[in-house]
Amino acid sequence: AMGRAIVRSPQVFCMDEPLSNLDAKLRVQTRTQIASLQRRLGVTT
């Protein structure tokens, strides 16, 4: 789902509770990945 948003090269990313369906351990891992990815892409989020 993140990849589908990234390929569009939008001006703004909107994310509505994207981690709420994941278990606790995966949430911690994925939130780190999302934050790191956003900083690399530099897209307003």
PDB file of all heavy atoms in Angstrom:
ATOM      1  N   ALA A   1       0.834  -1.206   0.000  1.00  0.00           N
ATOM      2  CA  ALA A   1       0.000   0.000   0.000  1.00  0.00           C
ATOM      3  C   ALA A   1       0.867   1.253   0.000  1.00  0.00           C
ATOM      4  O   ALA A   1       0.559   2.246  -0.671  1.00  0.00           O
ATOM      5  CB  ALA A   1      -0.931  -0.010   1.215  1.00  0.00           C
ATOM      6  N   MET A   2       1.977   1.214   0.746  1.00  0.00           N
ATOM      7  CA  MET A   2       2.925   2.335   0.729  1.00  0.00           C
ATOM      8  C   MET A   2       3.540   2.508  -0.659  1.00  0.00           C
ATOM      9  O   MET A   2       3.673   3.626  -1.166  1.00  0.00           O
ATOM     10  CB  MET A   2       4.028   2.083   1.755  1.00  0.00           C
ATOM     11  CG  MET A   2       3.615   2.238   3.203  1.00  0.00           C
ATOM     12  SD  MET A   2       3.418   3.966   3.645  1.00  0.00           S
ATOM     13  CE  MET A   2       5.071   4.573   3.348  1.00  0.00           C
ATOM     14  N   GLY A   3       3.904   1.382  -1.282  1.00  0.00           N
ATOM     15  CA  GLY A   3       4.500   1.441  -2.612  1.00  0.00           C
ATOM     16  C   GLY A   3       3.569   2.061  -3.630  1.00  0.00           C
ATOM     17  O   GLY A   3       3.993   2.844  -4.492  1.00  0.00           O
ATOM     18  N   ARG A   4       2.293   1.724  -3.529  1.00  0.00           N
ATOM     19  CA  ARG A   4       1.304   2.287  -4.445  1.00  0.00           C
ATOM     20  C   ARG A   4       1.232   3.807  -4.312  1.00  0.00           C
ATOM     21  O   ARG A   4       1.027   4.523  -5.300  1.00  0.00           O
ATOM     22  CB  ARG A   4      -0.060   1.661  -4.160  1.00  0.00           C
ATOM     23  CG  ARG A   4      -1.134   2.041  -5.153  1.00  0.00           C
ATOM     24  CD  ARG A   4      -2.406   1.271  -4.877  1.00  0.00           C
ATOM     25  NE  ARG A   4      -2.795   1.371  -3.483  1.00  0.00           N
ATOM     26  CZ  ARG A   4      -3.723   0.602  -2.906  1.00  0.00           C
ATOM     27  NH1 ARG A   4      -4.310  -0.349  -3.602  1.00  0.00           N
ATOM     28  NH2 ARG A   4      -4.043   0.766  -1.645  1.00  0.00           N
ATOM     29  N   ALA A   5       1.421   4.307  -3.075  1.00  0.00           N
ATOM     30  CA  ALA A   5       1.424   5.754  -2.861  1.00  0.00           C
ATOM     31  C   ALA A   5       2.715   6.387  -3.375  1.00  0.00           C
ATOM     32  O   ALA A   5       2.711   7.462  -3.978  1.00  0.00           O
ATOM     33  CB  ALA A   5       1.240   6.056  -1.366  1.00  0.00           C
ATOM     34  N   ILE A   6       3.840   5.700  -3.153  1.00  0.00           N
ATOM     35  CA  ILE A   6       5.144   6.259  -3.519  1.00  0.00           C
ATOM     36  C   ILE A   6       5.287   6.463  -5.028  1.00  0.00           C
ATOM     37  O   ILE A   6       5.798   7.489  -5.481  1.00  0.00           O
ATOM     38  CB  ILE A   6       6.274   5.350  -2.988  1.00  0.00           C
ATOM     39  CG1 ILE A   6       6.351   5.459  -1.468  1.00  0.00           C
ATOM     40  CG2 ILE A   6       7.611   5.712  -3.616  1.00  0.00           C
ATOM     41  CD1 ILE A   6       7.251   4.410  -0.836  1.00  0.00           C
ATOM     42  N   VAL A   7       4.828   5.487  -5.833  1.00  0.00           N
ATOM     43  CA  VAL A   7       5.040   5.588  -7.284  1.00  0.00           C
ATOM     44  C   VAL A   7       4.297   6.764  -7.899  1.00  0.00           C
ATOM     45  O   VAL A   7       4.650   7.218  -8.993  1.00  0.00           O
ATOM     46  CB  VAL A   7       4.617   4.285  -8.017  1.00  0.00           C
ATOM     47  CG1 VAL A   7       5.490   3.133  -7.605  1.00  0.00           C
ATOM     48  CG2 VAL A   7       3.143   3.976  -7.805  1.00  0.00           C
ATOM     49  N   ARG A   8       3.314   7.282  -7.203  1.00  0.00           N
ATOM     50  CA  ARG A   8       2.567   8.422  -7.742  1.00  0.00           C
ATOM     51  C   ARG A   8       3.352   9.723  -7.628  1.00  0.00           C
ATOM     52  O   ARG A   8       2.979  10.723  -8.244  1.00  0.00           O
ATOM     53  CB  ARG A   8       1.231   8.552  -7.015  1.00  0.00           C
ATOM     54  CG  ARG A   8       0.314   7.361  -7.233  1.00  0.00           C
ATOM     55  CD  ARG A   8      -0.980   7.500  -6.448  1.00  0.00           C
ATOM     56  NE  ARG A   8      -1.722   8.697  -6.821  1.00  0.00           N
ATOM     57  CZ  ARG A   8      -2.885   9.034  -6.288  1.00  0.00           C
ATOM     58  NH1 ARG A   8      -3.446   8.256  -5.368  1.00  0.00           N
ATOM     59  NH2 ARG A   8      -3.492  10.132  -6.670  1.00  0.00           N
ATOM     60  N   SER A   9       4.414   9.737  -6.798  1.00  0.00           N
ATOM     61  CA  SER A   9       5.207  10.959  -6.555  1.00  0.00           C
ATOM     62  C   SER A   9       4.297  12.141  -6.228  1.00  0.00           C
ATOM     63  O   SER A   9       4.336  13.192  -6.905  1.00  0.00           O
ATOM     64  CB  SER A   9       6.077  11.286  -7.778  1.00  0.00           C
ATOM     65  OG  SER A   9       6.945  10.222  -8.070  1.00  0.00           O
ATOM     66  N   PRO A  10       3.460  12.003  -5.191  1.00  0.00           N
ATOM     67  CA  PRO A  10       2.499  13.062  -4.873  1.00  0.00           C
ATOM     68  C   PRO A  10       3.170  14.227  -4.144  1.00  0.00           C
ATOM     69  O   PRO A  10       4.310  14.124  -3.693  1.00  0.00           O
ATOM     70  CB  PRO A  10       1.513  12.346  -3.954  1.00  0.00           C
ATOM     71  CG  PRO A  10       2.378  11.372  -3.210  1.00  0.00           C
ATOM     72  CD  PRO A  10       3.406  10.905  -4.213  1.00  0.00           C
ATOM     73  N   GLN A  11       2.415  15.301  -4.010  1.00  0.00           N
ATOM     74  CA  GLN A  11       2.882  16.423  -3.191  1.00  0.00           C
ATOM     75  C   GLN A  11       2.754  16.111  -1.709  1.00  0.00           C
ATOM     76  O   GLN A  11       3.546  16.607  -0.904  1.00  0.00           O
ATOM     77  CB  GLN A  11       2.084  17.691  -3.519  1.00  0.00           C
ATOM     78  CG  GLN A  11       2.409  18.317  -4.856  1.00  0.00           C
ATOM     79  CD  GLN A  11       1.736  19.664  -5.004  1.00  0.00           C
ATOM     80  OE1 GLN A  11       0.511  19.778  -4.929  1.00  0.00           O
ATOM     81  NE2 GLN A  11       2.527  20.704  -5.209  1.00  0.00           N
ATOM     82  N   VAL A  12       1.729  15.318  -1.348  1.00  0.00           N
ATOM     83  CA  VAL A  12       1.436  15.049   0.063  1.00  0.00           C
ATOM     84  C   VAL A  12       1.048  13.583   0.237  1.00  0.00           C
ATOM     85  O   VAL A  12       0.273  13.044  -0.571  1.00  0.00           O
ATOM     86  CB  VAL A  12       0.274  15.943   0.583  1.00  0.00           C
ATOM     87  CG1 VAL A  12       0.014  15.683   2.060  1.00  0.00           C
ATOM     88  CG2 VAL A  12       0.582  17.425   0.346  1.00  0.00           C
ATOM     89  N   PHE A  13       1.578  12.942   1.281  1.00  0.00           N
ATOM     90  CA  PHE A  13       1.112  11.628   1.723  1.00  0.00           C
ATOM     91  C   PHE A  13       0.116  11.822   2.854  1.00  0.00           C
ATOM     92  O   PHE A  13       0.368  12.580   3.797  1.00  0.00           O
ATOM     93  CB  PHE A  13       2.266  10.773   2.260  1.00  0.00           C
ATOM     94  CG  PHE A  13       3.165  10.182   1.219  1.00  0.00           C
ATOM     95  CD1 PHE A  13       4.528  10.109   1.436  1.00  0.00           C
ATOM     96  CD2 PHE A  13       2.660   9.681   0.039  1.00  0.00           C
ATOM     97  CE1 PHE A  13       5.379   9.556   0.490  1.00  0.00           C
ATOM     98  CE2 PHE A  13       3.495   9.126  -0.921  1.00  0.00           C
ATOM     99  CZ  PHE A  13       4.851   9.065  -0.688  1.00  0.00           C
ATOM    100  N   CYS A  14      -1.009  11.109   2.804  1.00  0.00           N
ATOM    101  CA  CYS A  14      -1.968  11.059   3.904  1.00  0.00           C
ATOM    102  C   CYS A  14      -2.049   9.610   4.394  1.00  0.00           C
ATOM    103  O   CYS A  14      -2.311   8.716   3.589  1.00  0.00           O
ATOM    104  CB  CYS A  14      -3.353  11.512   3.447  1.00  0.00           C
ATOM    105  SG  CYS A  14      -3.431  13.248   2.958  1.00  0.00           S
ATOM    106  N   MET A  15      -1.835   9.392   5.672  1.00  0.00           N
ATOM    107  CA  MET A  15      -1.834   8.035   6.217  1.00  0.00           C
ATOM    108  C   MET A  15      -2.813   7.967   7.382  1.00  0.00           C
ATOM    109  O   MET A  15      -2.632   8.665   8.396  1.00  0.00           O
ATOM    110  CB  MET A  15      -0.430   7.638   6.684  1.00  0.00           C
ATOM    111  CG  MET A  15       0.606   7.702   5.584  1.00  0.00           C
ATOM    112  SD  MET A  15       2.192   7.022   6.090  1.00  0.00           S
ATOM    113  CE  MET A  15       3.188   7.434   4.639  1.00  0.00           C
ATOM    114  N   ASP A  16      -3.835   7.131   7.225  1.00  0.00           N
ATOM    115  CA  ASP A  16      -4.900   7.028   8.232  1.00  0.00           C
ATOM    116  C   ASP A  16      -4.756   5.722   9.021  1.00  0.00           C
ATOM    117  O   ASP A  16      -5.221   4.678   8.582  1.00  0.00           O
ATOM    118  CB  ASP A  16      -6.259   7.099   7.546  1.00  0.00           C
ATOM    119  CG  ASP A  16      -7.401   7.273   8.546  1.00  0.00           C
ATOM    120  OD1 ASP A  16      -7.123   7.400   9.754  1.00  0.00           O
ATOM    121  OD2 ASP A  16      -8.570   7.289   8.116  1.00  0.00           O
ATOM    122  N   GLU A  17      -4.095   5.794  10.161  1.00  0.00           N
ATOM    123  CA  GLU A  17      -3.872   4.645  11.057  1.00  0.00           C
ATOM    124  C   GLU A  17      -3.396   3.412  10.282  1.00  0.00           C
ATOM    125  O   GLU A  17      -3.995   2.340  10.385  1.00  0.00           O
ATOM    126  CB  GLU A  17      -5.134   4.337  11.860  1.00  0.00           C
ATOM    127  CG  GLU A  17      -5.606   5.527  12.684  1.00  0.00           C
ATOM    128  CD  GLU A  17      -6.430   5.135  13.892  1.00  0.00           C
ATOM    129  OE1 GLU A  17      -6.098   4.140  14.549  1.00  0.00           O
ATOM    130  OE2 GLU A  17      -7.409   5.845  14.195  1.00  0.00           O
ATOM    131  N   PRO A  18      -2.321   3.520   9.513  1.00  0.00           N
ATOM    132  CA  PRO A  18      -1.921   2.402   8.646  1.00  0.00           C
ATOM    133  C   PRO A  18      -1.377   1.194   9.394  1.00  0.00           C
ATOM    134  O   PRO A  18      -1.246   0.127   8.799  1.00  0.00           O
ATOM    135  CB  PRO A  18      -0.835   3.028   7.766  1.00  0.00           C
ATOM    136  CG  PRO A  18      -0.260   4.129   8.595  1.00  0.00           C
ATOM    137  CD  PRO A  18      -1.424   4.683   9.365  1.00  0.00           C
ATOM    138  N   LEU A  19      -1.061   1.336  10.681  1.00  0.00           N
ATOM    139  CA  LEU A  19      -0.455   0.223  11.413  1.00  0.00           C
ATOM    140  C   LEU A  19      -1.416  -0.462  12.379  1.00  0.00           C
ATOM    141  O   LEU A  19      -1.021  -1.399  13.075  1.00  0.00           O
ATOM    142  CB  LEU A  19       0.768   0.720  12.208  1.00  0.00           C
ATOM    143  CG  LEU A  19       1.831   1.489  11.421  1.00  0.00           C
ATOM    144  CD1 LEU A  19       3.005   1.836  12.320  1.00  0.00           C
ATOM    145  CD2 LEU A  19       2.293   0.697  10.217  1.00  0.00           C
ATOM    146  N   SER A  20      -2.659  -0.034  12.431  1.00  0.00           N
ATOM    147  CA  SER A  20      -3.564  -0.523  13.475  1.00  0.00           C
ATOM    148  C   SER A  20      -3.925  -1.997  13.313  1.00  0.00           C
ATOM    149  O   SER A  20      -4.354  -2.635  14.278  1.00  0.00           O
ATOM    150  CB  SER A  20      -4.846   0.320  13.499  1.00  0.00           C
ATOM    151  OG  SER A  20      -5.496   0.266  12.248  1.00  0.00           O
ATOM    152  N   ASN A  21      -3.735  -2.561  12.115  1.00  0.00           N
ATOM    153  CA  ASN A  21      -4.066  -3.982  11.914  1.00  0.00           C
ATOM    154  C   ASN A  21      -2.874  -4.914  12.144  1.00  0.00           C
ATOM    155  O   ASN A  21      -2.998  -6.125  11.962  1.00  0.00           O
ATOM    156  CB  ASN A  21      -4.594  -4.207  10.484  1.00  0.00           C
ATOM    157  CG  ASN A  21      -5.990  -3.626  10.297  1.00  0.00           C
ATOM    158  OD1 ASN A  21      -6.733  -3.467  11.263  1.00  0.00           O
ATOM    159  ND2 ASN A  21      -6.339  -3.306   9.068  1.00  0.00           N
ATOM    160  N   LEU A  22      -1.734  -4.358  12.548  1.00  0.00           N
ATOM    161  CA  LEU A  22      -0.540  -5.170  12.743  1.00  0.00           C
ATOM    162  C   LEU A  22      -0.366  -5.529  14.217  1.00  0.00           C
ATOM    163  O   LEU A  22      -0.839  -4.805  15.103  1.00  0.00           O
ATOM    164  CB  LEU A  22       0.701  -4.418  12.253  1.00  0.00           C
ATOM    165  CG  LEU A  22       0.670  -3.914  10.807  1.00  0.00           C
ATOM    166  CD1 LEU A  22       1.974  -3.215  10.474  1.00  0.00           C
ATOM    167  CD2 LEU A  22       0.401  -5.050   9.833  1.00  0.00           C
ATOM    168  N   ASP A  23       0.333  -6.647  14.478  1.00  0.00           N
ATOM    169  CA  ASP A  23       0.600  -7.001  15.876  1.00  0.00           C
ATOM    170  C   ASP A  23       1.651  -6.054  16.444  1.00  0.00           C
ATOM    171  O   ASP A  23       2.312  -5.305  15.731  1.00  0.00           O
ATOM    172  CB  ASP A  23       1.048  -8.456  15.998  1.00  0.00           C
ATOM    173  CG  ASP A  23       2.350  -8.747  15.261  1.00  0.00           C
ATOM    174  OD1 ASP A  23       3.367  -8.103  15.576  1.00  0.00           O
ATOM    175  OD2 ASP A  23       2.354  -9.619  14.368  1.00  0.00           O
ATOM    176  N   ALA A  24       1.809  -6.098  17.789  1.00  0.00           N
ATOM    177  CA  ALA A  24       2.615  -5.096  18.484  1.00  0.00           C
ATOM    178  C   ALA A  24       4.058  -5.054  17.989  1.00  0.00           C
ATOM    179  O   ALA A  24       4.614  -3.975  17.742  1.00  0.00           O
ATOM    180  CB  ALA A  24       2.582  -5.364  19.992  1.00  0.00           C
ATOM    181  N   LYS A  25       4.695  -6.211  17.818  1.00  0.00           N
ATOM    182  CA  LYS A  25       6.093  -6.239  17.397  1.00  0.00           C
ATOM    183  C   LYS A  25       6.255  -5.689  15.990  1.00  0.00           C
ATOM    184  O   LYS A  25       7.175  -4.910  15.708  1.00  0.00           O
ATOM    185  CB  LYS A  25       6.630  -7.676  17.474  1.00  0.00           C
ATOM    186  CG  LYS A  25       8.104  -7.791  17.111  1.00  0.00           C
ATOM    187  CD  LYS A  25       8.596  -9.223  17.258  1.00  0.00           C
ATOM    188  CE  LYS A  25      10.069  -9.344  16.901  1.00  0.00           C
ATOM    189  NZ  LYS A  25      10.570 -10.737  17.031  1.00  0.00           N
ATOM    190  N   LEU A  26       5.342  -6.066  15.097  1.00  0.00           N
ATOM    191  CA  LEU A  26       5.419  -5.606  13.711  1.00  0.00           C
ATOM    192  C   LEU A  26       5.125  -4.118  13.607  1.00  0.00           C
ATOM    193  O   LEU A  26       5.671  -3.420  12.748  1.00  0.00           O
ATOM    194  CB  LEU A  26       4.454  -6.414  12.847  1.00  0.00           C
ATOM    195  CG  LEU A  26       4.637  -6.320  11.330  1.00  0.00           C
ATOM    196  CD1 LEU A  26       6.065  -6.676  10.937  1.00  0.00           C
ATOM    197  CD2 LEU A  26       3.657  -7.246  10.628  1.00  0.00           C
ATOM    198  N   ARG A  27       4.271  -3.612  14.490  1.00  0.00           N
ATOM    199  CA  ARG A  27       3.979  -2.180  14.484  1.00  0.00           C
ATOM    200  C   ARG A  27       5.236  -1.376  14.774  1.00  0.00           C
ATOM    201  O   ARG A  27       5.509  -0.362  14.129  1.00  0.00           O
ATOM    202  CB  ARG A  27       2.912  -1.848  15.524  1.00  0.00           C
ATOM    203  CG  ARG A  27       1.517  -2.239  15.120  1.00  0.00           C
ATOM    204  CD  ARG A  27       0.502  -1.837  16.155  1.00  0.00           C
ATOM    205  NE  ARG A  27       0.312  -0.399  16.173  1.00  0.00           N
ATOM    206  CZ  ARG A  27      -0.752   0.195  16.704  1.00  0.00           C
ATOM    207  NH1 ARG A  27      -1.701  -0.534  17.257  1.00  0.00           N
ATOM    208  NH2 ARG A  27      -0.864   1.489  16.689  1.00  0.00           N
ATOM    209  N   VAL A  28       6.010  -1.810  15.771  1.00  0.00           N
ATOM    210  CA  VAL A  28       7.239  -1.099  16.119  1.00  0.00           C
ATOM    211  C   VAL A  28       8.206  -1.107  14.940  1.00  0.00           C
ATOM    212  O   VAL A  28       8.800  -0.077  14.585  1.00  0.00           O
ATOM    213  CB  VAL A  28       7.891  -1.734  17.359  1.00  0.00           C
ATOM    214  CG1 VAL A  28       9.252  -1.104  17.625  1.00  0.00           C
ATOM    215  CG2 VAL A  28       6.990  -1.571  18.582  1.00  0.00           C
ATOM    216  N   GLN A  29       8.349  -2.258  14.307  1.00  0.00           N
ATOM    217  CA  GLN A  29       9.265  -2.386  13.170  1.00  0.00           C
ATOM    218  C   GLN A  29       8.801  -1.528  11.994  1.00  0.00           C
ATOM    219  O   GLN A  29       9.599  -0.813  11.372  1.00  0.00           O
ATOM    220  CB  GLN A  29       9.348  -3.857  12.756  1.00  0.00           C
ATOM    221  CG  GLN A  29      10.198  -4.108  11.522  1.00  0.00           C
ATOM    222  CD  GLN A  29      10.141  -5.575  11.086  1.00  0.00           C
ATOM    223  OE1 GLN A  29       9.795  -6.447  11.868  1.00  0.00           O
ATOM    224  NE2 GLN A  29      10.471  -5.819   9.839  1.00  0.00           N
ATOM    225  N   THR A  30       7.497  -1.590  11.693  1.00  0.00           N
ATOM    226  CA  THR A  30       6.985  -0.895  10.510  1.00  0.00           C
ATOM    227  C   THR A  30       6.966   0.608  10.707  1.00  0.00           C
ATOM    228  O   THR A  30       7.209   1.373   9.764  1.00  0.00           O
ATOM    229  CB  THR A  30       5.579  -1.408  10.155  1.00  0.00           C
ATOM    230  OG1 THR A  30       5.594  -2.835  10.074  1.00  0.00           O
ATOM    231  CG2 THR A  30       5.106  -0.845   8.832  1.00  0.00           C
ATOM    232  N   ARG A  31       6.671   1.082  11.917  1.00  0.00           N
ATOM    233  CA  ARG A  31       6.655   2.534  12.127  1.00  0.00           C
ATOM    234  C   ARG A  31       8.056   3.117  11.941  1.00  0.00           C
ATOM    235  O   ARG A  31       8.205   4.227  11.431  1.00  0.00           O
ATOM    236  CB  ARG A  31       6.077   2.876  13.493  1.00  0.00           C
ATOM    237  CG  ARG A  31       6.982   2.703  14.681  1.00  0.00           C
ATOM    238  CD  ARG A  31       6.220   2.901  15.981  1.00  0.00           C
ATOM    239  NE  ARG A  31       7.084   2.836  17.141  1.00  0.00           N
ATOM    240  CZ  ARG A  31       6.665   2.531  18.361  1.00  0.00           C
ATOM    241  NH1 ARG A  31       5.383   2.242  18.571  1.00  0.00           N
ATOM    242  NH2 ARG A  31       7.488   2.502  19.372  1.00  0.00           N
ATOM    243  N   THR A  32       9.081   2.360  12.318  1.00  0.00           N
ATOM    244  CA  THR A  32      10.454   2.814  12.087  1.00  0.00           C
ATOM    245  C   THR A  32      10.743   2.891  10.593  1.00  0.00           C
ATOM    246  O   THR A  32      11.363   3.851  10.113  1.00  0.00           O
ATOM    247  CB  THR A  32      11.453   1.856  12.763  1.00  0.00           C
ATOM    248  OG1 THR A  32      11.149   1.778  14.159  1.00  0.00           O
ATOM    249  CG2 THR A  32      12.873   2.322  12.585  1.00  0.00           C
ATOM    250  N   GLN A  33      10.267   1.896   9.841  1.00  0.00           N
ATOM    251  CA  GLN A  33      10.485   1.888   8.396  1.00  0.00           C
ATOM    252  C   GLN A  33       9.772   3.061   7.725  1.00  0.00           C
ATOM    253  O   GLN A  33      10.327   3.703   6.828  1.00  0.00           O
ATOM    254  CB  GLN A  33       9.992   0.560   7.810  1.00  0.00           C
ATOM    255  CG  GLN A  33      10.821  -0.654   8.236  1.00  0.00           C
ATOM    256  CD  GLN A  33      10.188  -1.955   7.791  1.00  0.00           C
ATOM    257  OE1 GLN A  33       8.993  -2.027   7.507  1.00  0.00           O
ATOM    258  NE2 GLN A  33      11.003  -3.010   7.717  1.00  0.00           N
ATOM    259  N   ILE A  34       8.532   3.344   8.151  1.00  0.00           N
ATOM    260  CA  ILE A  34       7.772   4.439   7.544  1.00  0.00           C
ATOM    261  C   ILE A  34       8.451   5.776   7.822  1.00  0.00           C
ATOM    262  O   ILE A  34       8.613   6.607   6.923  1.00  0.00           O
ATOM    263  CB  ILE A  34       6.321   4.446   8.065  1.00  0.00           C
ATOM    264  CG1 ILE A  34       5.557   3.250   7.498  1.00  0.00           C
ATOM    265  CG2 ILE A  34       5.616   5.746   7.692  1.00  0.00           C
ATOM    266  CD1 ILE A  34       4.136   3.122   8.026  1.00  0.00           C
ATOM    267  N   ALA A  35       8.865   5.996   9.073  1.00  0.00           N
ATOM    268  CA  ALA A  35       9.515   7.260   9.421  1.00  0.00           C
ATOM    269  C   ALA A  35      10.819   7.434   8.648  1.00  0.00           C
ATOM    270  O   ALA A  35      11.125   8.521   8.134  1.00  0.00           O
ATOM    271  CB  ALA A  35       9.772   7.317  10.923  1.00  0.00           C
ATOM    272  N   SER A  36      11.600   6.358   8.542  1.00  0.00           N
ATOM    273  CA  SER A  36      12.861   6.426   7.807  1.00  0.00           C
ATOM    274  C   SER A  36      12.625   6.686   6.317  1.00  0.00           C
ATOM    275  O   SER A  36      13.312   7.500   5.695  1.00  0.00           O
ATOM    276  CB  SER A  36      13.634   5.117   8.004  1.00  0.00           C
ATOM    277  OG  SER A  36      14.802   5.089   7.218  1.00  0.00           O
ATOM    278  N   LEU A  37      11.624   6.010   5.751  1.00  0.00           N
ATOM    279  CA  LEU A  37      11.313   6.172   4.337  1.00  0.00           C
ATOM    280  C   LEU A  37      10.856   7.593   4.035  1.00  0.00           C
ATOM    281  O   LEU A  37      11.262   8.199   3.035  1.00  0.00           O
ATOM    282  CB  LEU A  37      10.240   5.160   3.939  1.00  0.00           C
ATOM    283  CG  LEU A  37       9.778   5.183   2.489  1.00  0.00           C
ATOM    284  CD1 LEU A  37      10.928   4.800   1.563  1.00  0.00           C
ATOM    285  CD2 LEU A  37       8.600   4.231   2.288  1.00  0.00           C
ATOM    286  N   GLN A  38      10.012   8.143   4.908  1.00  0.00           N
ATOM    287  CA  GLN A  38       9.515   9.497   4.680  1.00  0.00           C
ATOM    288  C   GLN A  38      10.652  10.503   4.678  1.00  0.00           C
ATOM    289  O   GLN A  38      10.676  11.435   3.861  1.00  0.00           O
ATOM    290  CB  GLN A  38       8.486   9.858   5.763  1.00  0.00           C
ATOM    291  CG  GLN A  38       7.734  11.160   5.515  1.00  0.00           C
ATOM    292  CD  GLN A  38       8.473  12.397   5.997  1.00  0.00           C
ATOM    293  OE1 GLN A  38       9.340  12.312   6.858  1.00  0.00           O
ATOM    294  NE2 GLN A  38       8.134  13.550   5.434  1.00  0.00           N
ATOM    295  N   ARG A  39      11.615  10.319   5.548  1.00  0.00           N
ATOM    296  CA  ARG A  39      12.733  11.250   5.613  1.00  0.00           C
ATOM    297  C   ARG A  39      13.625  11.137   4.378  1.00  0.00           C
ATOM    298  O   ARG A  39      14.203  12.112   3.919  1.00  0.00           O
ATOM    299  CB  ARG A  39      13.513  11.054   6.907  1.00  0.00           C
ATOM    300  CG  ARG A  39      12.778  11.679   8.106  1.00  0.00           C
ATOM    301  CD  ARG A  39      13.183  11.106   9.451  1.00  0.00           C
ATOM    302  NE  ARG A  39      12.479  11.740  10.549  1.00  0.00           N
ATOM    303  CZ  ARG A  39      11.225  11.466  10.913  1.00  0.00           C
ATOM    304  NH1 ARG A  39      10.527  10.576  10.243  1.00  0.00           N
ATOM    305  NH2 ARG A  39      10.659  12.087  11.926  1.00  0.00           N
ATOM    306  N   ARG A  40      13.731   9.922   3.817  1.00  0.00           N
ATOM    307  CA  ARG A  40      14.502   9.750   2.588  1.00  0.00           C
ATOM    308  C   ARG A  40      13.794  10.388   1.392  1.00  0.00           C
ATOM    309  O   ARG A  40      14.415  11.011   0.542  1.00  0.00           O
ATOM    310  CB  ARG A  40      14.736   8.260   2.318  1.00  0.00           C
ATOM    311  CG  ARG A  40      15.953   7.674   3.045  1.00  0.00           C
ATOM    312  CD  ARG A  40      16.246   6.274   2.561  1.00  0.00           C
ATOM    313  NE  ARG A  40      15.304   5.309   3.097  1.00  0.00           N
ATOM    314  CZ  ARG A  40      15.094   4.099   2.594  1.00  0.00           C
ATOM    315  NH1 ARG A  40      15.727   3.716   1.511  1.00  0.00           N
ATOM    316  NH2 ARG A  40      14.233   3.278   3.162  1.00  0.00           N
ATOM    317  N   LEU A  41      12.463  10.223   1.342  1.00  0.00           N
ATOM    318  CA  LEU A  41      11.701  10.765   0.214  1.00  0.00           C
ATOM    319  C   LEU A  41      11.486  12.264   0.340  1.00  0.00           C
ATOM    320  O   LEU A  41      11.379  12.967  -0.673  1.00  0.00           O
ATOM    321  CB  LEU A  41      10.349  10.054   0.123  1.00  0.00           C
ATOM    322  CG  LEU A  41      10.380   8.551  -0.194  1.00  0.00           C
ATOM    323  CD1 LEU A  41       8.979   7.963  -0.082  1.00  0.00           C
ATOM    324  CD2 LEU A  41      10.961   8.303  -1.582  1.00  0.00           C
ATOM    325  N   GLY A  42      11.378  12.753   1.580  1.00  0.00           N
ATOM    326  CA  GLY A  42      11.187  14.183   1.799  1.00  0.00           C
ATOM    327  C   GLY A  42       9.822  14.695   1.389  1.00  0.00           C
ATOM    328  O   GLY A  42       9.663  15.888   1.111  1.00  0.00           O
ATOM    329  N   VAL A  43       8.804  13.823   1.358  1.00  0.00           N
ATOM    330  CA  VAL A  43       7.452  14.228   0.959  1.00  0.00           C
ATOM    331  C   VAL A  43       6.660  14.653   2.196  1.00  0.00           C
ATOM    332  O   VAL A  43       6.688  13.971   3.227  1.00  0.00           O
ATOM    333  CB  VAL A  43       6.715  13.078   0.245  1.00  0.00           C
ATOM    334  CG1 VAL A  43       5.292  13.500  -0.125  1.00  0.00           C
ATOM    335  CG2 VAL A  43       7.486  12.659  -0.998  1.00  0.00           C
ATOM    336  N   THR A  44       5.986  15.776   2.105  1.00  0.00           N
ATOM    337  CA  THR A  44       5.130  16.240   3.194  1.00  0.00           C
ATOM    338  C   THR A  44       4.135  15.140   3.555  1.00  0.00           C
ATOM    339  O   THR A  44       3.432  14.616   2.681  1.00  0.00           O
ATOM    340  CB  THR A  44       4.369  17.509   2.762  1.00  0.00           C
ATOM    341  OG1 THR A  44       5.308  18.481   2.296  1.00  0.00           O
ATOM    342  CG2 THR A  44       3.563  18.076   3.910  1.00  0.00           C
ATOM    343  N   THR A  45       4.066  14.785   4.834  1.00  0.00           N
ATOM    344  CA  THR A  45       3.246  13.652   5.265  1.00  0.00           C
ATOM    345  C   THR A  45       2.414  14.028   6.480  1.00  0.00           C
ATOM    346  O   THR A  45       2.930  14.605   7.445  1.00  0.00           O
ATOM    347  CB  THR A  45       4.132  12.439   5.609  1.00  0.00           C
ATOM    348  OG1 THR A  45       4.888  12.063   4.456  1.00  0.00           O
ATOM    349  CG2 THR A  45       3.300  11.251   6.081  1.00  0.00           C
TER     350      THR A  45
END
